[in-house]
Amino acid sequence: MGRSWQCGTVQLDGVLPQRLEASYVAPDGSRARPLMIHHAIFGSLGRMIAILLEHHGGVLPFWLSPDQVAVAPISKDQAGYGADVLAAFEDAGIRAVAYDGADTLSRRIVAAHEMAVPVMAVVGGREMRDGRVSLRERDGSQADVPLAEAVSRLQARARPGALVAEAL
C-alpha cells in the first residue's frame, strides 16, 4: 500500500484528565491539571484486526481465517460423508463449517467465497465411494485427494503463522 506501518502509539491527552476532573498539587501549592500519557502496543485489539483486514484486503490467510474450510456435499445422498469429512477436519484442529443447505452447490460455493472461506471441500458420490475430497482454493485451483491427505495438507496450513505462500 506504499506506506510504512505504525502499530504502537504514545499520546498526550489533555481532554480525559479534564473530563475526570483530575488534578494534582503543583510545587507552588496550587491545583494543576495533569496530562495523561497513553501507550498502546497495537492501540487496541480492534485496531490490530483492522490493520490485518486492511493489509490482506479482507481476505485473511488460511491460518488466520475464522472458517478455514467449507464442506459441501453435492446432494443429500452425500450428507453423511460430508459430516465425516467435517469431523475429520475438526479433529485435526482445522476450523471447518458445513455448507450443506438446500441451495444449489453453485450458490453454496458463492456463499463460501463471499464469506472469504479459503478452501471449499466438495464431496459427491465419487468422492464418497473412493474416500476422497475435492479441494477448491480461493484462486480457483482444485485438487482431488484422499481424505487423509487433505487433512494433512490443511493441518499444516492451519498452524498459526504457517509460512505458506498466501501468508507471506
Protein backbone atom coordinates (compact mmCIF):
# COMPACT_ATOMS: atom_id res chain seq x y z
CA MET A 1 0.00 0.00 0.00
CA GLY A 2 3.06 2.23 -0.21
CA ARG A 3 3.34 3.23 3.41
CA SER A 4 5.27 2.19 6.49
CA TRP A 5 3.34 0.53 9.30
CA GLN A 6 2.88 2.02 12.71
CA CYS A 7 1.09 -0.01 15.33
CA GLY A 8 2.34 1.34 18.62
CA THR A 9 1.34 4.77 19.86
CA VAL A 10 2.24 7.15 22.65
CA GLN A 11 -0.18 10.04 23.04
CA LEU A 12 -0.51 13.03 25.33
CA ASP A 13 -4.11 13.59 26.41
CA GLY A 14 -5.34 16.81 27.98
CA VAL A 15 -9.04 16.10 27.48
CA LEU A 16 -9.56 12.99 29.60
CA PRO A 17 -7.97 14.46 32.76
CA GLN A 18 -10.37 17.40 32.43
CA ARG A 19 -13.37 15.09 32.00
CA LEU A 20 -12.22 13.10 35.05
CA GLU A 21 -11.62 16.34 36.95
CA ALA A 22 -8.15 15.02 37.74
CA SER A 23 -5.68 17.32 39.42
CA TYR A 24 -2.50 17.32 41.44
CA VAL A 25 -0.80 19.69 43.82
CA ALA A 26 1.89 21.67 41.97
CA PRO A 27 5.21 22.61 43.65
CA ASP A 28 3.81 26.08 44.44
CA GLY A 29 0.84 24.50 46.29
CA SER A 30 -1.76 25.26 43.61
CA ARG A 31 -4.02 22.66 41.95
CA ALA A 32 -2.94 21.80 38.40
CA ARG A 33 -4.44 19.69 35.64
CA PRO A 34 -2.19 16.81 34.56
CA LEU A 35 -1.60 15.49 31.05
CA MET A 36 -2.23 11.79 30.59
CA ILE A 37 0.15 9.63 28.62
CA HIS A 38 -1.49 6.77 26.73
CA HIS A 39 0.74 3.99 25.46
CA ALA A 40 -0.53 1.09 23.40
CA ILE A 41 1.44 -1.58 21.62
CA PHE A 42 -1.25 -2.08 18.97
CA GLY A 43 -3.61 0.70 20.03
CA SER A 44 -6.37 -1.82 20.59
CA LEU A 45 -7.37 -5.29 19.54
CA GLY A 46 -9.87 -3.70 17.15
CA ARG A 47 -7.14 -1.60 15.57
CA MET A 48 -4.89 -4.63 15.16
CA ILE A 49 -7.69 -6.58 13.46
CA ALA A 50 -8.44 -3.60 11.22
CA ILE A 51 -4.77 -3.47 10.20
CA LEU A 52 -4.79 -7.20 9.40
CA LEU A 53 -8.00 -6.93 7.39
CA GLU A 54 -6.76 -3.88 5.51
CA HIS A 55 -3.39 -5.47 4.81
CA HIS A 56 -4.99 -8.64 3.45
CA GLY A 57 -7.80 -6.85 1.61
CA GLY A 58 -10.41 -8.55 3.79
CA VAL A 59 -9.20 -11.97 2.71
CA LEU A 60 -7.25 -13.43 5.62
CA PRO A 61 -4.63 -16.14 5.09
CA PHE A 62 -5.72 -19.72 5.75
CA TRP A 63 -4.14 -19.99 9.20
CA LEU A 64 -5.89 -16.81 10.39
CA SER A 65 -9.33 -17.27 8.81
CA PRO A 66 -12.18 -17.87 11.28
CA ASP A 67 -13.61 -20.55 8.97
CA GLN A 68 -10.80 -22.29 7.11
CA VAL A 69 -12.75 -24.92 5.16
CA ALA A 70 -16.34 -25.08 3.95
CA VAL A 71 -17.51 -28.66 3.48
CA ALA A 72 -20.21 -29.01 0.82
CA PRO A 73 -21.82 -32.30 -0.13
CA ILE A 74 -23.18 -32.20 -3.68
CA SER A 75 -26.50 -33.72 -2.64
CA LYS A 76 -28.30 -35.10 0.40
CA ASP A 77 -27.00 -38.56 -0.55
CA GLN A 78 -23.51 -37.45 0.48
CA ALA A 79 -24.57 -35.60 3.66
CA GLY A 80 -23.28 -38.40 5.90
CA TYR A 81 -19.89 -38.46 4.20
CA GLY A 82 -19.81 -34.67 4.34
CA ALA A 83 -20.32 -34.88 8.12
CA ASP A 84 -17.45 -37.40 8.32
CA VAL A 85 -15.19 -35.06 6.33
CA LEU A 86 -16.17 -32.15 8.56
CA ALA A 87 -15.40 -34.22 11.68
CA ALA A 88 -12.02 -35.30 10.26
CA PHE A 89 -11.04 -31.67 9.68
CA GLU A 90 -12.27 -30.58 13.10
CA ASP A 91 -10.45 -33.48 14.82
CA ALA A 92 -7.25 -32.27 13.14
CA GLY A 93 -7.73 -28.75 14.54
CA ILE A 94 -8.94 -27.25 11.26
CA ARG A 95 -11.79 -24.75 11.60
CA ALA A 96 -14.37 -26.24 9.25
CA VAL A 97 -18.00 -25.38 8.66
CA ALA A 98 -20.76 -27.27 6.84
CA TYR A 99 -22.29 -25.72 3.74
CA ASP A 100 -24.98 -28.34 3.31
CA GLY A 101 -28.13 -26.26 2.96
CA ALA A 102 -30.93 -26.61 0.44
CA ASP A 103 -29.28 -24.17 -2.02
CA THR A 104 -27.61 -25.44 -5.17
CA LEU A 105 -23.94 -26.34 -4.96
CA SER A 106 -23.00 -23.30 -7.03
CA ARG A 107 -24.88 -21.00 -4.63
CA ARG A 108 -23.12 -22.61 -1.66
CA ILE A 109 -19.74 -22.12 -3.39
CA VAL A 110 -20.60 -18.45 -3.99
CA ALA A 111 -21.68 -18.07 -0.35
CA ALA A 112 -18.38 -19.55 0.89
CA HIS A 113 -16.48 -17.27 -1.49
CA GLU A 114 -18.40 -14.21 -0.21
CA MET A 115 -17.51 -15.19 3.35
CA ALA A 116 -13.84 -15.44 2.23
CA VAL A 117 -13.52 -19.08 3.30
CA PRO A 118 -10.12 -20.09 1.89
CA VAL A 119 -10.93 -23.69 0.90
CA MET A 120 -14.09 -25.40 -0.26
CA ALA A 121 -14.20 -29.18 0.26
CA VAL A 122 -16.74 -30.63 -2.15
CA VAL A 123 -17.88 -34.22 -1.73
CA GLY A 124 -20.00 -36.10 -4.21
CA GLY A 125 -20.78 -39.72 -4.97
CA ARG A 126 -17.35 -40.46 -6.46
CA GLU A 127 -15.52 -38.86 -3.52
CA MET A 128 -17.71 -40.75 -1.05
CA ARG A 129 -17.12 -44.07 -2.84
CA ASP A 130 -13.32 -43.55 -3.01
CA GLY A 131 -12.79 -41.84 0.39
CA ARG A 132 -11.60 -38.66 -1.28
CA VAL A 133 -12.40 -34.96 -1.22
CA SER A 134 -12.23 -32.28 -3.90
CA LEU A 135 -10.47 -29.21 -2.53
CA ARG A 136 -11.18 -25.91 -4.26
CA GLU A 137 -8.91 -22.99 -3.34
CA ARG A 138 -9.88 -19.32 -3.36
CA ASP A 139 -7.87 -18.82 -6.54
CA GLY A 140 -9.98 -21.45 -8.34
CA SER A 141 -7.38 -24.22 -8.37
CA GLN A 142 -8.66 -27.66 -7.46
CA ALA A 143 -7.21 -30.95 -6.25
CA ASP A 144 -8.95 -34.29 -5.80
CA VAL A 145 -7.12 -36.06 -2.96
CA PRO A 146 -7.70 -38.82 -0.41
CA LEU A 147 -9.31 -37.50 2.77
CA ALA A 148 -6.24 -38.28 4.90
CA GLU A 149 -4.03 -36.28 2.51
CA ALA A 150 -6.49 -33.37 2.53
CA VAL A 151 -6.42 -33.37 6.32
CA SER A 152 -2.60 -33.38 6.49
CA ARG A 153 -2.25 -30.66 3.81
CA LEU A 154 -4.73 -28.36 5.51
CA GLN A 155 -3.49 -29.13 9.00
CA ALA A 156 -0.01 -27.91 8.02
CA ARG A 157 -1.54 -24.65 6.75
CA ALA A 158 -3.73 -24.21 9.84
CA ARG A 159 -0.85 -23.67 12.28
CA PRO A 160 -0.67 -20.07 13.47
CA GLY A 161 1.92 -18.23 11.43
CA ALA A 162 2.30 -21.07 8.92
CA LEU A 163 4.72 -19.89 6.29
CA VAL A 164 2.77 -20.70 3.18
CA ALA A 165 2.66 -18.54 0.08
CA GLU A 166 -0.67 -16.92 0.98
CA ALA A 167 0.56 -15.80 4.40
CA LEU A 168 3.72 -14.06 3.21
